Amino acid sequence: MRRRFRRGSAARRTRRRSLHWKIIYKKVAEARRKTQIMQCIYGRSGGESGGGGSGNRRAALETIERLAGETAVVVFSVSTCCMCHVVKSLFCSLGVNPTVYELDELEDVGGGGGKQLREALAALVGELPVPAVFIGGKLVGGLDHVMAAHISGSLKPLLREAGALWL
């Protein structure tokens, strides 16, 4: 009988540990994302105002933030990218009309052309800068995050909350 108690206790401890590590992993990922945004805004050296790249980067990020907040769903894409086409097709099939900014066709939008916006998106999103999807002014991510949210069923409530879907 004593042996059973120990097994159950160890199993409970293991479950508790795994839950604990999942929480820690989420907090670390969130902190990394915030750090990346701050590094992108203020430059790699933490707030120095010297250097022309930091000002362009800051202006590009402000432009992205302004454009992402204008409508419920915003997609930054490239006209020749197949993943961008998939994201736009998904939103159209759901009945959502996203605002699409084609970065290769943008000449001058406030914080610079499409090249500066693409570099700023790369700093925000990480791996591939396009497609970058913002719903309700918040960065959702690229194709993988949007498809994962769609498959898990959390995309439609997110769109409803942002006001992109009525039903």
C-alpha atoms as a PDB file:
ATOM      1  CA  MET A   1       0.000   0.000   0.000  1.00  0.00           C
ATOM      2  CA  ARG A   2       2.840   2.323   0.755  1.00  0.00           C
ATOM      3  CA  ARG A   3       4.255   1.771  -2.711  1.00  0.00           C
ATOM      4  CA  ARG A   4       1.015   2.890  -4.437  1.00  0.00           C
ATOM      5  CA  PHE A   5       1.013   6.134  -2.502  1.00  0.00           C
ATOM      6  CA  ARG A   6       4.522   6.926  -3.695  1.00  0.00           C
ATOM      7  CA  ARG A   7       3.637   6.287  -7.333  1.00  0.00           C
ATOM      8  CA  GLY A   8       0.613   8.529  -7.190  1.00  0.00           C
ATOM      9  CA  SER A   9       2.603  11.213  -5.447  1.00  0.00           C
ATOM     10  CA  ALA A  10       5.365  11.104  -8.086  1.00  0.00           C
ATOM     11  CA  ALA A  11       2.818  11.271 -10.888  1.00  0.00           C
ATOM     12  CA  ARG A  12       1.220  14.305  -9.283  1.00  0.00           C
ATOM     13  CA  ARG A  13       4.610  15.959  -8.873  1.00  0.00           C
ATOM     14  CA  THR A  14       5.462  15.250 -12.514  1.00  0.00           C
ATOM     15  CA  ARG A  15       2.183  16.762 -13.699  1.00  0.00           C
ATOM     16  CA  ARG A  16       2.740  19.769 -11.499  1.00  0.00           C
ATOM     17  CA  ARG A  17       6.286  20.191 -12.827  1.00  0.00           C
ATOM     18  CA  SER A  18       5.206  19.969 -16.455  1.00  0.00           C
ATOM     19  CA  LEU A  19       2.470  22.544 -15.882  1.00  0.00           C
ATOM     20  CA  HIS A  20       4.988  24.744 -14.105  1.00  0.00           C
ATOM     21  CA  TRP A  21       7.400  24.556 -17.041  1.00  0.00           C
ATOM     22  CA  LYS A  22       4.653  25.331 -19.534  1.00  0.00           C
ATOM     23  CA  ILE A  23       3.826  28.500 -17.608  1.00  0.00           C
ATOM     24  CA  ILE A  24       7.498  29.463 -17.448  1.00  0.00           C
ATOM     25  CA  TYR A  25       7.911  28.800 -21.178  1.00  0.00           C
ATOM     26  CA  LYS A  26       4.968  31.087 -22.014  1.00  0.00           C
ATOM     27  CA  LYS A  27       6.330  33.864 -19.802  1.00  0.00           C
ATOM     28  CA  VAL A  28       9.796  33.575 -21.337  1.00  0.00           C
ATOM     29  CA  ALA A  29       8.356  33.646 -24.865  1.00  0.00           C
ATOM     30  CA  GLU A  30       6.319  36.754 -24.005  1.00  0.00           C
ATOM     31  CA  ALA A  31       9.385  38.446 -22.502  1.00  0.00           C
ATOM     32  CA  ARG A  32      11.443  37.613 -25.605  1.00  0.00           C
ATOM     33  CA  ARG A  33       8.773  39.128 -27.852  1.00  0.00           C
ATOM     34  CA  LYS A  34       8.727  42.330 -25.762  1.00  0.00           C
ATOM     35  CA  THR A  35      12.522  42.456 -25.811  1.00  0.00           C
ATOM     36  CA  GLN A  36      12.574  42.066 -29.590  1.00  0.00           C
ATOM     37  CA  ILE A  37      10.102  44.927 -29.986  1.00  0.00           C
ATOM     38  CA  MET A  38      12.111  47.173 -27.662  1.00  0.00           C
ATOM     39  CA  GLN A  39      15.364  46.312 -29.433  1.00  0.00           C
ATOM     40  CA  CYS A  40      13.717  47.032 -32.758  1.00  0.00           C
ATOM     41  CA  ILE A  41      12.454  50.419 -31.575  1.00  0.00           C
ATOM     42  CA  TYR A  42      15.522  51.610 -29.678  1.00  0.00           C
ATOM     43  CA  GLY A  43      18.241  49.772 -31.528  1.00  0.00           C
ATOM     44  CA  ARG A  44      20.441  46.913 -30.355  1.00  0.00           C
ATOM     45  CA  SER A  45      22.392  48.965 -27.822  1.00  0.00           C
ATOM     46  CA  GLY A  46      19.400  49.864 -25.661  1.00  0.00           C
ATOM     47  CA  GLY A  47      18.330  53.439 -26.262  1.00  0.00           C
ATOM     48  CA  GLU A  48      21.217  55.226 -27.906  1.00  0.00           C
ATOM     49  CA  SER A  49      20.026  57.949 -30.196  1.00  0.00           C
ATOM     50  CA  GLY A  50      23.043  57.887 -32.485  1.00  0.00           C
ATOM     51  CA  GLY A  51      22.834  56.203 -35.855  1.00  0.00           C
ATOM     52  CA  GLY A  52      20.404  56.699 -38.695  1.00  0.00           C
ATOM     53  CA  GLY A  53      19.059  53.132 -38.761  1.00  0.00           C
ATOM     54  CA  SER A  54      17.348  53.445 -35.399  1.00  0.00           C
ATOM     55  CA  GLY A  55      15.259  56.457 -36.477  1.00  0.00           C
ATOM     56  CA  ASN A  56      14.124  54.767 -39.696  1.00  0.00           C
ATOM     57  CA  ARG A  57      13.299  51.608 -37.784  1.00  0.00           C
ATOM     58  CA  ARG A  58      11.304  53.542 -35.200  1.00  0.00           C
ATOM     59  CA  ALA A  59       9.398  55.409 -37.923  1.00  0.00           C
ATOM     60  CA  ALA A  60       8.673  52.148 -39.755  1.00  0.00           C
ATOM     61  CA  LEU A  61       7.368  50.531 -36.549  1.00  0.00           C
ATOM     62  CA  GLU A  62       5.162  53.540 -35.843  1.00  0.00           C
ATOM     63  CA  THR A  63       3.810  53.307 -39.379  1.00  0.00           C
ATOM     64  CA  ILE A  64       3.087  49.585 -38.947  1.00  0.00           C
ATOM     65  CA  GLU A  65       1.346  50.268 -35.637  1.00  0.00           C
ATOM     66  CA  ARG A  66      -0.752  53.049 -37.197  1.00  0.00           C
ATOM     67  CA  LEU A  67      -1.724  50.974 -40.249  1.00  0.00           C
ATOM     68  CA  ALA A  68      -2.504  47.893 -38.127  1.00  0.00           C
ATOM     69  CA  GLY A  69      -4.849  49.880 -35.892  1.00  0.00           C
ATOM     70  CA  GLU A  70      -6.893  51.431 -38.700  1.00  0.00           C
ATOM     71  CA  THR A  71      -9.079  48.402 -39.497  1.00  0.00           C
ATOM     72  CA  ALA A  72     -10.059  45.132 -37.846  1.00  0.00           C
ATOM     73  CA  VAL A  73      -7.849  42.833 -39.968  1.00  0.00           C
ATOM     74  CA  VAL A  74      -4.631  43.979 -41.625  1.00  0.00           C
ATOM     75  CA  VAL A  75      -2.329  41.766 -43.681  1.00  0.00           C
ATOM     76  CA  PHE A  76       1.145  42.864 -44.743  1.00  0.00           C
ATOM     77  CA  SER A  77       2.113  40.744 -47.714  1.00  0.00           C
ATOM     78  CA  VAL A  78       4.081  40.488 -50.932  1.00  0.00           C
ATOM     79  CA  SER A  79       2.162  40.089 -54.169  1.00  0.00           C
ATOM     80  CA  THR A  80       4.233  37.096 -55.368  1.00  0.00           C
ATOM     81  CA  CYS A  81       4.214  35.153 -52.074  1.00  0.00           C
ATOM     82  CA  CYS A  82       2.122  31.968 -52.045  1.00  0.00           C
ATOM     83  CA  MET A  83       1.776  31.972 -48.234  1.00  0.00           C
ATOM     84  CA  CYS A  84       0.353  35.495 -48.380  1.00  0.00           C
ATOM     85  CA  HIS A  85      -2.157  34.312 -50.975  1.00  0.00           C
ATOM     86  CA  VAL A  86      -3.226  31.459 -48.662  1.00  0.00           C
ATOM     87  CA  VAL A  87      -3.823  33.854 -45.752  1.00  0.00           C
ATOM     88  CA  LYS A  88      -5.820  36.265 -47.917  1.00  0.00           C
ATOM     89  CA  SER A  89      -7.870  33.377 -49.346  1.00  0.00           C
ATOM     90  CA  LEU A  90      -8.578  32.044 -45.847  1.00  0.00           C
ATOM     91  CA  PHE A  91      -9.907  35.388 -44.665  1.00  0.00           C
ATOM     92  CA  CYS A  92     -12.024  35.815 -47.800  1.00  0.00           C
ATOM     93  CA  SER A  93     -13.486  32.319 -47.343  1.00  0.00           C
ATOM     94  CA  LEU A  94     -14.423  33.235 -43.755  1.00  0.00           C
ATOM     95  CA  GLY A  95     -16.243  36.339 -45.004  1.00  0.00           C
ATOM     96  CA  VAL A  96     -13.654  38.788 -43.721  1.00  0.00           C
ATOM     97  CA  ASN A  97     -12.436  41.599 -45.935  1.00  0.00           C
ATOM     98  CA  PRO A  98      -8.874  42.316 -44.717  1.00  0.00           C
ATOM     99  CA  THR A  99      -6.944  45.452 -45.526  1.00  0.00           C
ATOM    100  CA  VAL A 100      -3.925  44.230 -47.477  1.00  0.00           C
ATOM    101  CA  TYR A 101      -0.684  46.178 -47.837  1.00  0.00           C
ATOM    102  CA  GLU A 102       1.521  44.752 -50.569  1.00  0.00           C
ATOM    103  CA  LEU A 103       5.044  45.642 -49.443  1.00  0.00           C
ATOM    104  CA  ASP A 104       6.584  45.238 -52.893  1.00  0.00           C
ATOM    105  CA  GLU A 105       4.123  47.773 -54.328  1.00  0.00           C
ATOM    106  CA  LEU A 106       4.424  50.394 -51.576  1.00  0.00           C
ATOM    107  CA  GLU A 107       6.578  53.335 -52.546  1.00  0.00           C
ATOM    108  CA  ASP A 108       6.273  55.749 -49.646  1.00  0.00           C
ATOM    109  CA  VAL A 109       3.991  55.303 -46.655  1.00  0.00           C
ATOM    110  CA  GLY A 110       5.042  57.543 -43.790  1.00  0.00           C
ATOM    111  CA  GLY A 111       7.924  55.546 -42.281  1.00  0.00           C
ATOM    112  CA  GLY A 112       9.599  54.743 -45.592  1.00  0.00           C
ATOM    113  CA  GLY A 113       8.973  52.365 -48.414  1.00  0.00           C
ATOM    114  CA  GLY A 114       8.158  48.709 -48.363  1.00  0.00           C
ATOM    115  CA  LYS A 115      11.770  47.759 -47.655  1.00  0.00           C
ATOM    116  CA  GLN A 116      11.868  49.531 -44.271  1.00  0.00           C
ATOM    117  CA  LEU A 117       8.458  48.124 -43.369  1.00  0.00           C
ATOM    118  CA  ARG A 118       9.608  44.634 -44.298  1.00  0.00           C
ATOM    119  CA  GLU A 119      12.716  44.981 -42.097  1.00  0.00           C
ATOM    120  CA  ALA A 120      10.592  46.212 -39.174  1.00  0.00           C
ATOM    121  CA  LEU A 121       8.146  43.331 -39.653  1.00  0.00           C
ATOM    122  CA  ALA A 122      11.050  40.886 -39.707  1.00  0.00           C
ATOM    123  CA  ALA A 123      12.142  42.212 -36.319  1.00  0.00           C
ATOM    124  CA  LEU A 124       8.589  41.888 -34.945  1.00  0.00           C
ATOM    125  CA  VAL A 125       7.527  38.557 -36.410  1.00  0.00           C
ATOM    126  CA  GLY A 126      10.872  36.799 -36.395  1.00  0.00           C
ATOM    127  CA  GLU A 127      11.427  34.228 -39.124  1.00  0.00           C
ATOM    128  CA  LEU A 128       9.611  35.326 -42.266  1.00  0.00           C
ATOM    129  CA  PRO A 129       8.258  38.853 -42.266  1.00  0.00           C
ATOM    130  CA  VAL A 130       5.354  38.131 -44.591  1.00  0.00           C
ATOM    131  CA  PRO A 131       2.523  37.462 -44.256  1.00  0.00           C
ATOM    132  CA  ALA A 132       2.179  39.459 -41.053  1.00  0.00           C
ATOM    133  CA  VAL A 133      -1.407  39.429 -39.766  1.00  0.00           C
ATOM    134  CA  PHE A 134      -2.806  41.938 -37.292  1.00  0.00           C
ATOM    135  CA  ILE A 135      -6.293  41.388 -35.873  1.00  0.00           C
ATOM    136  CA  GLY A 136      -7.752  44.159 -33.781  1.00  0.00           C
ATOM    137  CA  GLY A 137      -4.432  45.995 -33.841  1.00  0.00           C
ATOM    138  CA  LYS A 138      -2.591  43.043 -32.257  1.00  0.00           C
ATOM    139  CA  LEU A 139       0.024  40.971 -34.030  1.00  0.00           C
ATOM    140  CA  VAL A 140      -1.234  37.422 -34.561  1.00  0.00           C
ATOM    141  CA  GLY A 141       1.791  36.274 -36.536  1.00  0.00           C
ATOM    142  CA  GLY A 142       2.413  34.637 -39.854  1.00  0.00           C
ATOM    143  CA  LEU A 143       0.701  31.867 -41.774  1.00  0.00           C
ATOM    144  CA  ASP A 144       1.551  29.196 -39.193  1.00  0.00           C
ATOM    145  CA  HIS A 145      -0.042  31.107 -36.298  1.00  0.00           C
ATOM    146  CA  VAL A 146      -3.147  32.026 -38.302  1.00  0.00           C
ATOM    147  CA  MET A 147      -3.655  28.446 -39.508  1.00  0.00           C
ATOM    148  CA  ALA A 148      -3.081  27.052 -36.007  1.00  0.00           C
ATOM    149  CA  ALA A 149      -5.703  29.462 -34.650  1.00  0.00           C
ATOM    150  CA  HIS A 150      -8.098  28.497 -37.461  1.00  0.00           C
ATOM    151  CA  ILE A 151      -7.650  24.758 -36.879  1.00  0.00           C
ATOM    152  CA  SER A 152      -7.999  25.096 -33.094  1.00  0.00           C
ATOM    153  CA  GLY A 153     -11.162  27.177 -33.538  1.00  0.00           C
ATOM    154  CA  SER A 154      -9.851  30.322 -31.874  1.00  0.00           C
ATOM    155  CA  LEU A 155      -9.637  32.434 -35.047  1.00  0.00           C
ATOM    156  CA  LYS A 156     -13.364  33.120 -35.467  1.00  0.00           C
ATOM    157  CA  PRO A 157     -13.864  34.360 -31.877  1.00  0.00           C
ATOM    158  CA  LEU A 158     -10.817  36.584 -32.332  1.00  0.00           C
ATOM    159  CA  LEU A 159     -12.308  38.006 -35.537  1.00  0.00           C
ATOM    160  CA  ARG A 160     -15.682  38.534 -33.844  1.00  0.00           C
ATOM    161  CA  GLU A 161     -14.011  40.328 -30.952  1.00  0.00           C
ATOM    162  CA  ALA A 162     -12.191  42.634 -33.372  1.00  0.00           C
ATOM    163  CA  GLY A 163     -15.410  43.390 -35.243  1.00  0.00           C
ATOM    164  CA  ALA A 164     -14.426  41.718 -38.520  1.00  0.00           C
ATOM    165  CA  LEU A 165     -17.203  39.083 -38.343  1.00  0.00           C
ATOM    166  CA  TRP A 166     -20.819  39.748 -37.511  1.00  0.00           C
ATOM    167  CA  LEU A 167     -22.136  36.226 -36.953  1.00  0.00           C
END
